[in-house]
């Protein structure tokens, strides 16, 4: 997966630009991660901000749109193609500092885009 495709929804993911994913449950390959707090439909880098609740002590994580494998609109669930451990090990996210930061996106591209378990 290239860095560019990591930041865009796959054509088969079930994403449509007019839908609001806020509140959707996010499921990793091995279980629930949290709920969508914010998402981007902007041209350019697209992403989900996920509130992990008590799973990672109430922190938020940023998931590039390219990690989304499928969206079930009826169940309001988003399936991502990464493991919970991979998501938990991602570079720390602070929406005040990182939402518009290209260097942070590069860090995430390296973390989520590399091949390996839970890729």
PDB file of N, CA and C in Angstrom:
ATOM      1  N   UNK A   1       0.848  -1.173   0.000  1.00  0.00           N
ATOM      2  CA  UNK A   1       0.000   0.000   0.000  1.00  0.00           C
ATOM      3  C   UNK A   1       0.895   1.239   0.000  1.00  0.00           C
ATOM      4  N   UNK A   2       0.661   2.139  -0.949  1.00  0.00           N
ATOM      5  CA  UNK A   2       1.464   3.355  -1.006  1.00  0.00           C
ATOM      6  C   UNK A   2       0.962   4.354   0.026  1.00  0.00           C
ATOM      7  N   UNK A   3       1.808   5.318   0.345  1.00  0.00           N
ATOM      8  CA  UNK A   3       1.407   6.346   1.310  1.00  0.00           C
ATOM      9  C   UNK A   3       0.164   7.088   0.852  1.00  0.00           C
ATOM     10  N   UNK A   4       0.048   7.368  -0.457  1.00  0.00           N
ATOM     11  CA  UNK A   4      -1.127   8.072  -0.952  1.00  0.00           C
ATOM     12  C   UNK A   4      -2.388   7.256  -0.765  1.00  0.00           C
ATOM     13  N   UNK A   5      -2.336   5.968  -1.097  1.00  0.00           N
ATOM     14  CA  UNK A   5      -3.543   5.150  -0.972  1.00  0.00           C
ATOM     15  C   UNK A   5      -3.901   4.890   0.485  1.00  0.00           C
ATOM     16  N   UNK A   6      -2.942   4.983   1.387  1.00  0.00           N
ATOM     17  CA  UNK A   6      -3.227   4.792   2.808  1.00  0.00           C
ATOM     18  C   UNK A   6      -4.150   5.888   3.343  1.00  0.00           C
ATOM     19  N   UNK A   7      -4.130   7.040   2.727  1.00  0.00           N
ATOM     20  CA  UNK A   7      -4.912   8.190   3.208  1.00  0.00           C
ATOM     21  C   UNK A   7      -6.196   8.407   2.419  1.00  0.00           C
ATOM     22  N   UNK A   8      -6.608   7.406   1.633  1.00  0.00           N
ATOM     23  CA  UNK A   8      -7.867   7.474   0.895  1.00  0.00           C
ATOM     24  C   UNK A   8      -8.632   6.170   1.097  1.00  0.00           C
ATOM     25  N   UNK A   9      -9.962   6.276   1.138  1.00  0.00           N
ATOM     26  CA  UNK A   9     -10.787   5.079   1.272  1.00  0.00           C
ATOM     27  C   UNK A   9     -10.663   4.223   0.020  1.00  0.00           C
ATOM     28  N   UNK A  10     -10.548   2.914   0.202  1.00  0.00           N
ATOM     29  CA  UNK A  10     -10.544   1.993  -0.931  1.00  0.00           C
ATOM     30  C   UNK A  10     -11.917   2.040  -1.593  1.00  0.00           C
ATOM     31  N   UNK A  11     -11.976   1.896  -2.909  1.00  0.00           N
ATOM     32  CA  UNK A  11     -13.274   1.939  -3.608  1.00  0.00           C
ATOM     33  C   UNK A  11     -14.255   0.887  -3.094  1.00  0.00           C
ATOM     34  N   UNK A  12     -13.751  -0.214  -2.548  1.00  0.00           N
ATOM     35  CA  UNK A  12     -14.622  -1.299  -2.080  1.00  0.00           C
ATOM     36  C   UNK A  12     -14.976  -1.193  -0.596  1.00  0.00           C
ATOM     37  N   UNK A  13     -14.542  -0.142   0.089  1.00  0.00           N
ATOM     38  CA  UNK A  13     -14.743  -0.028   1.540  1.00  0.00           C
ATOM     39  C   UNK A  13     -16.182   0.299   1.930  1.00  0.00           C
ATOM     40  N   UNK A  14     -16.957   0.864   1.020  1.00  0.00           N
ATOM     41  CA  UNK A  14     -18.338   1.226   1.359  1.00  0.00           C
ATOM     42  C   UNK A  14     -18.464   2.656   1.850  1.00  0.00           C
ATOM     43  N   UNK A  15     -17.438   3.465   1.610  1.00  0.00           N
ATOM     44  CA  UNK A  15     -17.452   4.867   2.014  1.00  0.00           C
ATOM     45  C   UNK A  15     -18.130   5.706   0.937  1.00  0.00           C
ATOM     46  N   UNK A  16     -18.990   6.607   1.361  1.00  0.00           N
ATOM     47  CA  UNK A  16     -19.534   7.610   0.452  1.00  0.00           C
ATOM     48  C   UNK A  16     -19.354   8.967   1.118  1.00  0.00           C
ATOM     49  N   UNK A  17     -18.943   9.980   0.354  1.00  0.00           N
ATOM     50  CA  UNK A  17     -18.580  11.275   0.934  1.00  0.00           C
ATOM     51  C   UNK A  17     -19.689  11.975   1.712  1.00  0.00           C
ATOM     52  N   UNK A  18     -20.942  11.655   1.459  1.00  0.00           N
ATOM     53  CA  UNK A  18     -22.030  12.353   2.122  1.00  0.00           C
ATOM     54  C   UNK A  18     -22.428  11.739   3.472  1.00  0.00           C
ATOM     55  N   UNK A  19     -21.821  10.622   3.867  1.00  0.00           N
ATOM     56  CA  UNK A  19     -22.188   9.969   5.127  1.00  0.00           C
ATOM     57  C   UNK A  19     -21.315  10.436   6.285  1.00  0.00           C
ATOM     58  N   UNK A  20     -21.917  10.529   7.446  1.00  0.00           N
ATOM     59  CA  UNK A  20     -21.211  10.902   8.668  1.00  0.00           C
ATOM     60  C   UNK A  20     -20.973   9.632   9.480  1.00  0.00           C
ATOM     61  N   UNK A  21     -19.701   9.286   9.703  1.00  0.00           N
ATOM     62  CA  UNK A  21     -19.344   8.078  10.448  1.00  0.00           C
ATOM     63  C   UNK A  21     -19.278   8.313  11.958  1.00  0.00           C
ATOM     64  N   UNK A  22     -19.520   9.525  12.424  1.00  0.00           N
ATOM     65  CA  UNK A  22     -19.443   9.810  13.852  1.00  0.00           C
ATOM     66  C   UNK A  22     -20.362   8.863  14.619  1.00  0.00           C
ATOM     67  N   UNK A  23     -19.797   8.201  15.640  1.00  0.00           N
ATOM     68  CA  UNK A  23     -20.563   7.262  16.455  1.00  0.00           C
ATOM     69  C   UNK A  23     -20.505   5.826  15.981  1.00  0.00           C
ATOM     70  N   UNK A  24     -19.993   5.577  14.781  1.00  0.00           N
ATOM     71  CA  UNK A  24     -19.860   4.200  14.289  1.00  0.00           C
ATOM     72  C   UNK A  24     -18.850   3.459  15.167  1.00  0.00           C
ATOM     73  N   UNK A  25     -19.097   2.178  15.395  1.00  0.00           N
ATOM     74  CA  UNK A  25     -18.171   1.319  16.120  1.00  0.00           C
ATOM     75  C   UNK A  25     -17.058   0.890  15.179  1.00  0.00           C
ATOM     76  N   UNK A  26     -15.821   0.871  15.689  1.00  0.00           N
ATOM     77  CA  UNK A  26     -14.672   0.460  14.878  1.00  0.00           C
ATOM     78  C   UNK A  26     -14.188  -0.895  15.377  1.00  0.00           C
ATOM     79  N   UNK A  27     -14.111  -1.860  14.452  1.00  0.00           N
ATOM     80  CA  UNK A  27     -13.671  -3.218  14.751  1.00  0.00           C
ATOM     81  C   UNK A  27     -12.341  -3.492  14.069  1.00  0.00           C
ATOM     82  N   UNK A  28     -11.338  -3.891  14.850  1.00  0.00           N
ATOM     83  CA  UNK A  28     -10.049  -4.321  14.300  1.00  0.00           C
ATOM     84  C   UNK A  28     -10.178  -5.789  13.877  1.00  0.00           C
ATOM     85  N   UNK A  29      -9.100  -6.366  13.368  1.00  0.00           N
ATOM     86  CA  UNK A  29      -9.115  -7.774  12.967  1.00  0.00           C
ATOM     87  C   UNK A  29      -9.429  -8.693  14.140  1.00  0.00           C
ATOM     88  N   UNK A  30      -9.098  -8.240  15.360  1.00  0.00           N
ATOM     89  CA  UNK A  30      -9.263  -9.100  16.539  1.00  0.00           C
ATOM     90  C   UNK A  30     -10.137  -8.491  17.632  1.00  0.00           C
ATOM     91  N   UNK A  31     -11.045  -7.604  17.267  1.00  0.00           N
ATOM     92  CA  UNK A  31     -11.980  -7.094  18.275  1.00  0.00           C
ATOM     93  C   UNK A  31     -12.227  -5.600  18.174  1.00  0.00           C
ATOM     94  N   UNK A  32     -13.113  -5.138  19.050  1.00  0.00           N
ATOM     95  CA  UNK A  32     -13.564  -3.750  19.061  1.00  0.00           C
ATOM     96  C   UNK A  32     -12.448  -2.811  19.511  1.00  0.00           C
ATOM     97  N   UNK A  33     -12.334  -1.684  18.813  1.00  0.00           N
ATOM     98  CA  UNK A  33     -11.327  -0.676  19.129  1.00  0.00           C
ATOM     99  C   UNK A  33     -11.958   0.524  19.822  1.00  0.00           C
ATOM    100  N   UNK A  34     -13.125   0.947  19.364  1.00  0.00           N
ATOM    101  CA  UNK A  34     -13.778   2.125  19.939  1.00  0.00           C
ATOM    102  C   UNK A  34     -14.829   2.659  18.999  1.00  0.00           C
ATOM    103  N   UNK A  35     -15.114   3.970  19.125  1.00  0.00           N
ATOM    104  CA  UNK A  35     -16.123   4.629  18.295  1.00  0.00           C
ATOM    105  C   UNK A  35     -15.515   5.826  17.585  1.00  0.00           C
ATOM    106  N   UNK A  36     -16.033   6.104  16.395  1.00  0.00           N
ATOM    107  CA  UNK A  36     -15.549   7.244  15.619  1.00  0.00           C
ATOM    108  C   UNK A  36     -15.990   8.534  16.304  1.00  0.00           C
ATOM    109  N   UNK A  37     -15.006   9.390  16.599  1.00  0.00           N
ATOM    110  CA  UNK A  37     -15.265  10.700  17.194  1.00  0.00           C
ATOM    111  C   UNK A  37     -15.315  11.770  16.103  1.00  0.00           C
ATOM    112  N   UNK A  38     -14.495  11.582  15.068  1.00  0.00           N
ATOM    113  CA  UNK A  38     -14.400  12.548  13.968  1.00  0.00           C
ATOM    114  C   UNK A  38     -13.895  11.800  12.739  1.00  0.00           C
ATOM    115  N   UNK A  39     -14.290  12.269  11.575  1.00  0.00           N
ATOM    116  CA  UNK A  39     -13.732  11.701  10.349  1.00  0.00           C
ATOM    117  C   UNK A  39     -13.593  12.815   9.326  1.00  0.00           C
ATOM    118  N   UNK A  40     -12.740  12.567   8.352  1.00  0.00           N
ATOM    119  CA  UNK A  40     -12.477  13.561   7.320  1.00  0.00           C
ATOM    120  C   UNK A  40     -12.940  13.053   5.973  1.00  0.00           C
ATOM    121  N   UNK A  41     -13.664  13.897   5.271  1.00  0.00           N
ATOM    122  CA  UNK A  41     -14.031  13.634   3.881  1.00  0.00           C
ATOM    123  C   UNK A  41     -13.327  14.614   2.956  1.00  0.00           C
ATOM    124  N   UNK A  42     -12.362  15.338   3.494  1.00  0.00           N
ATOM    125  CA  UNK A  42     -11.660  16.356   2.723  1.00  0.00           C
ATOM    126  C   UNK A  42     -10.915  15.730   1.549  1.00  0.00           C
ATOM    127  N   UNK A  43     -10.672  16.549   0.546  1.00  0.00           N
ATOM    128  CA  UNK A  43      -9.774  16.138  -0.521  1.00  0.00           C
ATOM    129  C   UNK A  43      -8.385  16.147   0.090  1.00  0.00           C
ATOM    130  N   UNK A  44      -7.614  15.116  -0.173  1.00  0.00           N
ATOM    131  CA  UNK A  44      -6.308  14.984   0.469  1.00  0.00           C
ATOM    132  C   UNK A  44      -6.391  13.907   1.523  1.00  0.00           C
ATOM    133  N   UNK A  45      -5.582  14.009   2.566  1.00  0.00           N
ATOM    134  CA  UNK A  45      -5.577  12.956   3.584  1.00  0.00           C
ATOM    135  C   UNK A  45      -6.949  12.780   4.253  1.00  0.00           C
ATOM    136  N   UNK A  46      -7.453  11.548   4.206  1.00  0.00           N
ATOM    137  CA  UNK A  46      -8.711  11.221   4.853  1.00  0.00           C
ATOM    138  C   UNK A  46      -8.416  10.268   5.999  1.00  0.00           C
ATOM    139  N   UNK A  47      -9.195  10.365   7.077  1.00  0.00           N
ATOM    140  CA  UNK A  47      -8.881   9.605   8.283  1.00  0.00           C
ATOM    141  C   UNK A  47     -10.097   9.482   9.181  1.00  0.00           C
ATOM    142  N   UNK A  48      -9.958   8.640  10.196  1.00  0.00           N
ATOM    143  CA  UNK A  48     -10.920   8.526  11.290  1.00  0.00           C
ATOM    144  C   UNK A  48     -10.187   8.854  12.583  1.00  0.00           C
ATOM    145  N   UNK A  49     -10.827   9.597  13.465  1.00  0.00           N
ATOM    146  CA  UNK A  49     -10.333   9.764  14.829  1.00  0.00           C
ATOM    147  C   UNK A  49     -11.234   8.885  15.684  1.00  0.00           C
ATOM    148  N   UNK A  50     -10.614   7.916  16.383  1.00  0.00           N
ATOM    149  CA  UNK A  50     -11.375   6.919  17.136  1.00  0.00           C
ATOM    150  C   UNK A  50     -11.133   7.105  18.623  1.00  0.00           C
ATOM    151  N   UNK A  51     -12.228   7.248  19.369  1.00  0.00           N
ATOM    152  CA  UNK A  51     -12.171   7.304  20.826  1.00  0.00           C
ATOM    153  C   UNK A  51     -12.141   5.864  21.314  1.00  0.00           C
ATOM    154  N   UNK A  52     -11.029   5.467  21.939  1.00  0.00           N
ATOM    155  CA  UNK A  52     -10.854   4.072  22.343  1.00  0.00           C
ATOM    156  C   UNK A  52     -11.529   3.751  23.674  1.00  0.00           C
ATOM    157  N   UNK A  53     -12.086   4.759  24.338  1.00  0.00           N
ATOM    158  CA  UNK A  53     -12.742   4.509  25.619  1.00  0.00           C
ATOM    159  C   UNK A  53     -11.766   3.893  26.598  1.00  0.00           C
ATOM    160  N   UNK A  54     -12.210   2.961  27.425  1.00  0.00           N
ATOM    161  CA  UNK A  54     -11.323   2.385  28.441  1.00  0.00           C
ATOM    162  C   UNK A  54     -10.263   1.436  27.879  1.00  0.00           C
ATOM    163  N   UNK A  55     -10.379   1.066  26.584  1.00  0.00           N
ATOM    164  CA  UNK A  55      -9.439   0.103  26.020  1.00  0.00           C
ATOM    165  C   UNK A  55      -7.997   0.603  26.121  1.00  0.00           C
ATOM    166  N   UNK A  56      -7.732   1.857  25.732  1.00  0.00           N
ATOM    167  CA  UNK A  56      -6.396   2.440  25.905  1.00  0.00           C
ATOM    168  C   UNK A  56      -6.539   3.666  26.803  1.00  0.00           C
ATOM    169  N   UNK A  57      -7.174   3.479  27.940  1.00  0.00           N
ATOM    170  CA  UNK A  57      -7.331   4.535  28.939  1.00  0.00           C
ATOM    171  C   UNK A  57      -7.927   5.812  28.366  1.00  0.00           C
ATOM    172  N   UNK A  58      -8.949   5.664  27.528  1.00  0.00           N
ATOM    173  CA  UNK A  58      -9.692   6.807  27.040  1.00  0.00           C
ATOM    174  C   UNK A  58      -8.961   7.687  26.052  1.00  0.00           C
ATOM    175  N   UNK A  59      -7.965   7.162  25.393  1.00  0.00           N
ATOM    176  CA  UNK A  59      -7.230   7.954  24.415  1.00  0.00           C
ATOM    177  C   UNK A  59      -7.921   7.893  23.056  1.00  0.00           C
ATOM    178  N   UNK A  60      -7.487   8.783  22.178  1.00  0.00           N
ATOM    179  CA  UNK A  60      -7.958   8.762  20.807  1.00  0.00           C
ATOM    180  C   UNK A  60      -6.803   8.330  19.908  1.00  0.00           C
ATOM    181  N   UNK A  61      -7.158   7.667  18.814  1.00  0.00           N
ATOM    182  CA  UNK A  61      -6.168   7.265  17.824  1.00  0.00           C
ATOM    183  C   UNK A  61      -6.634   7.762  16.465  1.00  0.00           C
ATOM    184  N   UNK A  62      -5.685   8.005  15.586  1.00  0.00           N
ATOM    185  CA  UNK A  62      -6.001   8.414  14.231  1.00  0.00           C
ATOM    186  C   UNK A  62      -5.722   7.237  13.307  1.00  0.00           C
ATOM    187  N   UNK A  63      -6.718   6.866  12.526  1.00  0.00           N
ATOM    188  CA  UNK A  63      -6.587   5.764  11.574  1.00  0.00           C
ATOM    189  C   UNK A  63      -6.721   6.317  10.163  1.00  0.00           C
ATOM    190  N   UNK A  64      -5.710   6.118   9.316  1.00  0.00           N
ATOM    191  CA  UNK A  64      -5.825   6.538   7.923  1.00  0.00           C
ATOM    192  C   UNK A  64      -6.994   5.817   7.240  1.00  0.00           C
ATOM    193  N   UNK A  65      -7.663   6.512   6.331  1.00  0.00           N
ATOM    194  CA  UNK A  65      -8.833   5.954   5.648  1.00  0.00           C
ATOM    195  C   UNK A  65      -8.517   4.646   4.926  1.00  0.00           C
ATOM    196  N   UNK A  66      -7.285   4.466   4.477  1.00  0.00           N
ATOM    197  CA  UNK A  66      -6.911   3.252   3.759  1.00  0.00           C
ATOM    198  C   UNK A  66      -6.897   2.001   4.617  1.00  0.00           C
ATOM    199  N   UNK A  67      -6.980   2.160   5.951  1.00  0.00           N
ATOM    200  CA  UNK A  67      -7.052   0.986   6.823  1.00  0.00           C
ATOM    201  C   UNK A  67      -8.470   0.419   6.877  1.00  0.00           C
ATOM    202  N   UNK A  68      -9.453   1.188   6.390  1.00  0.00           N
ATOM    203  CA  UNK A  68     -10.854   0.757   6.414  1.00  0.00           C
ATOM    204  C   UNK A  68     -11.076  -0.290   5.332  1.00  0.00           C
ATOM    205  N   UNK A  69     -11.551  -1.460   5.757  1.00  0.00           N
ATOM    206  CA  UNK A  69     -11.840  -2.547   4.809  1.00  0.00           C
ATOM    207  C   UNK A  69     -13.309  -2.593   4.420  1.00  0.00           C
ATOM    208  N   UNK A  70     -14.192  -2.290   5.365  1.00  0.00           N
ATOM    209  CA  UNK A  70     -15.624  -2.378   5.070  1.00  0.00           C
ATOM    210  C   UNK A  70     -16.413  -1.513   6.036  1.00  0.00           C
ATOM    211  N   UNK A  71     -17.516  -0.991   5.540  1.00  0.00           N
ATOM    212  CA  UNK A  71     -18.431  -0.204   6.355  1.00  0.00           C
ATOM    213  C   UNK A  71     -19.801  -0.868   6.279  1.00  0.00           C
ATOM    214  N   UNK A  72     -20.381  -1.171   7.436  1.00  0.00           N
ATOM    215  CA  UNK A  72     -21.732  -1.719   7.516  1.00  0.00           C
ATOM    216  C   UNK A  72     -22.627  -0.599   8.041  1.00  0.00           C
ATOM    217  N   UNK A  73     -23.355   0.050   7.126  1.00  0.00           N
ATOM    218  CA  UNK A  73     -24.151   1.211   7.502  1.00  0.00           C
ATOM    219  C   UNK A  73     -25.338   0.839   8.387  1.00  0.00           C
ATOM    220  N   UNK A  74     -25.913  -0.338   8.173  1.00  0.00           N
ATOM    221  CA  UNK A  74     -27.047  -0.758   9.007  1.00  0.00           C
ATOM    222  C   UNK A  74     -26.617  -0.985  10.449  1.00  0.00           C
ATOM    223  N   UNK A  75     -25.466  -1.664  10.638  1.00  0.00           N
ATOM    224  CA  UNK A  75     -24.963  -1.946  11.989  1.00  0.00           C
ATOM    225  C   UNK A  75     -24.126  -0.795  12.538  1.00  0.00           C
ATOM    226  N   UNK A  76     -23.859   0.211  11.691  1.00  0.00           N
ATOM    227  CA  UNK A  76     -23.008   1.353  12.065  1.00  0.00           C
ATOM    228  C   UNK A  76     -21.660   0.879  12.597  1.00  0.00           C
ATOM    229  N   UNK A  77     -21.030   0.017  11.790  1.00  0.00           N
ATOM    230  CA  UNK A  77     -19.742  -0.568  12.143  1.00  0.00           C
ATOM    231  C   UNK A  77     -18.753  -0.370  11.003  1.00  0.00           C
ATOM    232  N   UNK A  78     -17.506  -0.073  11.372  1.00  0.00           N
ATOM    233  CA  UNK A  78     -16.417   0.062  10.411  1.00  0.00           C
ATOM    234  C   UNK A  78     -15.376  -0.992  10.759  1.00  0.00           C
ATOM    235  N   UNK A  79     -15.005  -1.822   9.775  1.00  0.00           N
ATOM    236  CA  UNK A  79     -13.974  -2.837   9.986  1.00  0.00           C
ATOM    237  C   UNK A  79     -12.661  -2.333   9.394  1.00  0.00           C
ATOM    238  N   UNK A  80     -11.597  -2.358  10.220  1.00  0.00           N
ATOM    239  CA  UNK A  80     -10.280  -1.942   9.743  1.00  0.00           C
ATOM    240  C   UNK A  80      -9.357  -3.149   9.682  1.00  0.00           C
ATOM    241  N   UNK A  81      -8.434  -3.126   8.749  1.00  0.00           N
ATOM    242  CA  UNK A  81      -7.544  -4.255   8.502  1.00  0.00           C
ATOM    243  C   UNK A  81      -6.253  -4.176   9.299  1.00  0.00           C
ATOM    244  N   UNK A  82      -6.370  -3.894  10.575  1.00  0.00           N
ATOM    245  CA  UNK A  82      -5.215  -3.852  11.477  1.00  0.00           C
ATOM    246  C   UNK A  82      -5.623  -4.523  12.785  1.00  0.00           C
ATOM    247  N   UNK A  83      -4.647  -5.028  13.523  1.00  0.00           N
ATOM    248  CA  UNK A  83      -4.940  -5.638  14.823  1.00  0.00           C
ATOM    249  C   UNK A  83      -5.042  -4.554  15.893  1.00  0.00           C
ATOM    250  N   UNK A  84      -5.651  -4.918  16.995  1.00  0.00           N
ATOM    251  CA  UNK A  84      -5.732  -3.997  18.132  1.00  0.00           C
ATOM    252  C   UNK A  84      -4.339  -3.608  18.612  1.00  0.00           C
ATOM    253  N   UNK A  85      -3.419  -4.564  18.631  1.00  0.00           N
ATOM    254  CA  UNK A  85      -2.053  -4.284  19.087  1.00  0.00           C
ATOM    255  C   UNK A  85      -1.372  -3.274  18.169  1.00  0.00           C
ATOM    256  N   UNK A  86      -1.577  -3.418  16.867  1.00  0.00           N
ATOM    257  CA  UNK A  86      -0.971  -2.481  15.906  1.00  0.00           C
ATOM    258  C   UNK A  86      -1.525  -1.071  16.122  1.00  0.00           C
ATOM    259  N   UNK A  87      -2.812  -0.988  16.366  1.00  0.00           N
ATOM    260  CA  UNK A  87      -3.443   0.310  16.604  1.00  0.00           C
ATOM    261  C   UNK A  87      -2.951   0.907  17.924  1.00  0.00           C
ATOM    262  N   UNK A  88      -2.885   0.082  18.948  1.00  0.00           N
ATOM    263  CA  UNK A  88      -2.420   0.544  20.261  1.00  0.00           C
ATOM    264  C   UNK A  88      -0.974   1.044  20.211  1.00  0.00           C
ATOM    265  N   UNK A  89      -0.147   0.432  19.358  1.00  0.00           N
ATOM    266  CA  UNK A  89       1.268   0.784  19.252  1.00  0.00           C
ATOM    267  C   UNK A  89       1.528   1.973  18.322  1.00  0.00           C
ATOM    268  N   UNK A  90       0.487   2.559  17.762  1.00  0.00           N
ATOM    269  CA  UNK A  90       0.653   3.689  16.839  1.00  0.00           C
ATOM    270  C   UNK A  90       1.241   4.889  17.566  1.00  0.00           C
ATOM    271  N   UNK A  91       1.902   5.778  16.832  1.00  0.00           N
ATOM    272  CA  UNK A  91       2.408   7.004  17.455  1.00  0.00           C
ATOM    273  C   UNK A  91       1.283   7.746  18.174  1.00  0.00           C
ATOM    274  N   UNK A  92       1.595   8.308  19.332  1.00  0.00           N
ATOM    275  CA  UNK A  92       0.595   8.991  20.158  1.00  0.00           C
ATOM    276  C   UNK A  92      -0.098  10.090  19.363  1.00  0.00           C
ATOM    277  N   UNK A  93      -1.408  10.220  19.553  1.00  0.00           N
ATOM    278  CA  UNK A  93      -2.218  11.195  18.819  1.00  0.00           C
ATOM    279  C   UNK A  93      -2.729  12.282  19.757  1.00  0.00           C
ATOM    280  N   UNK A  94      -2.574  13.525  19.323  1.00  0.00           N
ATOM    281  CA  UNK A  94      -3.121  14.686  20.032  1.00  0.00           C
ATOM    282  C   UNK A  94      -3.779  15.551  18.966  1.00  0.00           C
ATOM    283  N   UNK A  95      -5.125  15.626  18.987  1.00  0.00           N
ATOM    284  CA  UNK A  95      -5.795  16.305  17.879  1.00  0.00           C
ATOM    285  C   UNK A  95      -5.463  17.791  17.806  1.00  0.00           C
ATOM    286  N   UNK A  96      -5.040  18.385  18.905  1.00  0.00           N
ATOM    287  CA  UNK A  96      -4.642  19.799  18.872  1.00  0.00           C
ATOM    288  C   UNK A  96      -3.333  19.988  18.098  1.00  0.00           C
ATOM    289  N   UNK A  97      -2.461  18.994  18.132  1.00  0.00           N
ATOM    290  CA  UNK A  97      -1.149  19.103  17.487  1.00  0.00           C
ATOM    291  C   UNK A  97      -1.057  18.376  16.157  1.00  0.00           C
ATOM    292  N   UNK A  98      -1.795  17.285  15.979  1.00  0.00           N
ATOM    293  CA  UNK A  98      -1.492  16.369  14.879  1.00  0.00           C
ATOM    294  C   UNK A  98      -2.429  16.385  13.680  1.00  0.00           C
ATOM    295  N   UNK A  99      -3.627  16.949  13.785  1.00  0.00           N
ATOM    296  CA  UNK A  99      -4.575  16.828  12.672  1.00  0.00           C
ATOM    297  C   UNK A  99      -4.047  17.408  11.365  1.00  0.00           C
ATOM    298  N   UNK A 100      -3.355  18.525  11.396  1.00  0.00           N
ATOM    299  CA  UNK A 100      -2.856  19.115  10.164  1.00  0.00           C
ATOM    300  C   UNK A 100      -1.361  18.959   9.971  1.00  0.00           C
ATOM    301  N   UNK A 101      -0.740  18.039  10.681  1.00  0.00           N
ATOM    302  CA  UNK A 101       0.713  17.916  10.698  1.00  0.00           C
ATOM    303  C   UNK A 101       1.202  16.847   9.716  1.00  0.00           C
ATOM    304  N   UNK A 102       1.831  17.258   8.595  1.00  0.00           N
ATOM    305  CA  UNK A 102       2.311  16.284   7.610  1.00  0.00           C
ATOM    306  C   UNK A 102       3.361  15.321   8.181  1.00  0.00           C
ATOM    307  N   UNK A 103       4.192  15.783   9.107  1.00  0.00           N
ATOM    308  CA  UNK A 103       5.214  14.903   9.699  1.00  0.00           C
ATOM    309  C   UNK A 103       4.555  13.783  10.501  1.00  0.00           C
ATOM    310  N   UNK A 104       3.464  14.095  11.197  1.00  0.00           N
ATOM    311  CA  UNK A 104       2.734  13.070  11.950  1.00  0.00           C
ATOM    312  C   UNK A 104       2.105  12.062  10.988  1.00  0.00           C
ATOM    313  N   UNK A 105       1.539  12.566   9.884  1.00  0.00           N
ATOM    314  CA  UNK A 105       0.966  11.650   8.874  1.00  0.00           C
ATOM    315  C   UNK A 105       2.046  10.721   8.329  1.00  0.00           C
ATOM    316  N   UNK A 106       3.249  11.249   8.123  1.00  0.00           N
ATOM    317  CA  UNK A 106       4.355  10.404   7.649  1.00  0.00           C
ATOM    318  C   UNK A 106       4.678   9.311   8.673  1.00  0.00           C
ATOM    319  N   UNK A 107       4.666   9.666   9.972  1.00  0.00           N
ATOM    320  CA  UNK A 107       4.899   8.666  11.028  1.00  0.00           C
ATOM    321  C   UNK A 107       3.847   7.568  10.945  1.00  0.00           C
ATOM    322  N   UNK A 108       2.578   7.963  10.808  1.00  0.00           N
ATOM    323  CA  UNK A 108       1.494   6.979  10.730  1.00  0.00           C
ATOM    324  C   UNK A 108       1.601   6.137   9.464  1.00  0.00           C
ATOM    325  N   UNK A 109       2.010   6.763   8.362  1.00  0.00           N
ATOM    326  CA  UNK A 109       2.183   6.011   7.117  1.00  0.00           C
ATOM    327  C   UNK A 109       3.207   4.909   7.314  1.00  0.00           C
ATOM    328  N   UNK A 110       4.297   5.226   7.990  1.00  0.00           N
ATOM    329  CA  UNK A 110       5.318   4.224   8.272  1.00  0.00           C
ATOM    330  C   UNK A 110       4.805   3.131   9.187  1.00  0.00           C
ATOM    331  N   UNK A 111       3.980   3.504  10.153  1.00  0.00           N
ATOM    332  CA  UNK A 111       3.465   2.538  11.131  1.00  0.00           C
ATOM    333  C   UNK A 111       2.388   1.635  10.513  1.00  0.00           C
ATOM    334  N   UNK A 112       1.371   2.223   9.908  1.00  0.00           N
ATOM    335  CA  UNK A 112       0.254   1.443   9.378  1.00  0.00           C
ATOM    336  C   UNK A 112       0.509   0.888   7.989  1.00  0.00           C
ATOM    337  N   UNK A 113       1.401   1.527   7.230  1.00  0.00           N
ATOM    338  CA  UNK A 113       1.602   1.126   5.854  1.00  0.00           C
ATOM    339  C   UNK A 113       2.599   0.013   5.663  1.00  0.00           C
ATOM    340  N   UNK A 114       3.421  -0.244   6.690  1.00  0.00           N
ATOM    341  CA  UNK A 114       4.434  -1.297   6.541  1.00  0.00           C
ATOM    342  C   UNK A 114       3.783  -2.662   6.606  1.00  0.00           C
ATOM    343  N   UNK A 115       4.378  -3.593   5.897  1.00  0.00           N
ATOM    344  CA  UNK A 115       3.861  -4.965   5.900  1.00  0.00           C
ATOM    345  C   UNK A 115       4.230  -5.650   7.212  1.00  0.00           C
ATOM    346  N   UNK A 116       3.458  -6.614   7.574  1.00  0.00           N
ATOM    347  CA  UNK A 116       3.732  -7.372   8.795  1.00  0.00           C
ATOM    348  C   UNK A 116       2.430  -7.781   9.444  1.00  0.00           C
ATOM    349  N   UNK A 117       2.523  -8.396  10.616  1.00  0.00           N
ATOM    350  CA  UNK A 117       1.323  -8.858  11.301  1.00  0.00           C
ATOM    351  C   UNK A 117       0.390  -7.687  11.599  1.00  0.00           C
ATOM    352  N   UNK A 118      -0.868  -7.892  11.307  1.00  0.00           N
ATOM    353  CA  UNK A 118      -1.865  -6.870  11.601  1.00  0.00           C
ATOM    354  C   UNK A 118      -1.782  -5.689  10.679  1.00  0.00           C
ATOM    355  N   UNK A 119      -1.192  -5.914   9.527  1.00  0.00           N
ATOM    356  CA  UNK A 119      -1.026  -4.810   8.587  1.00  0.00           C
ATOM    357  C   UNK A 119      -2.330  -4.312   8.084  1.00  0.00           C
TER     358      UNK A 119
END
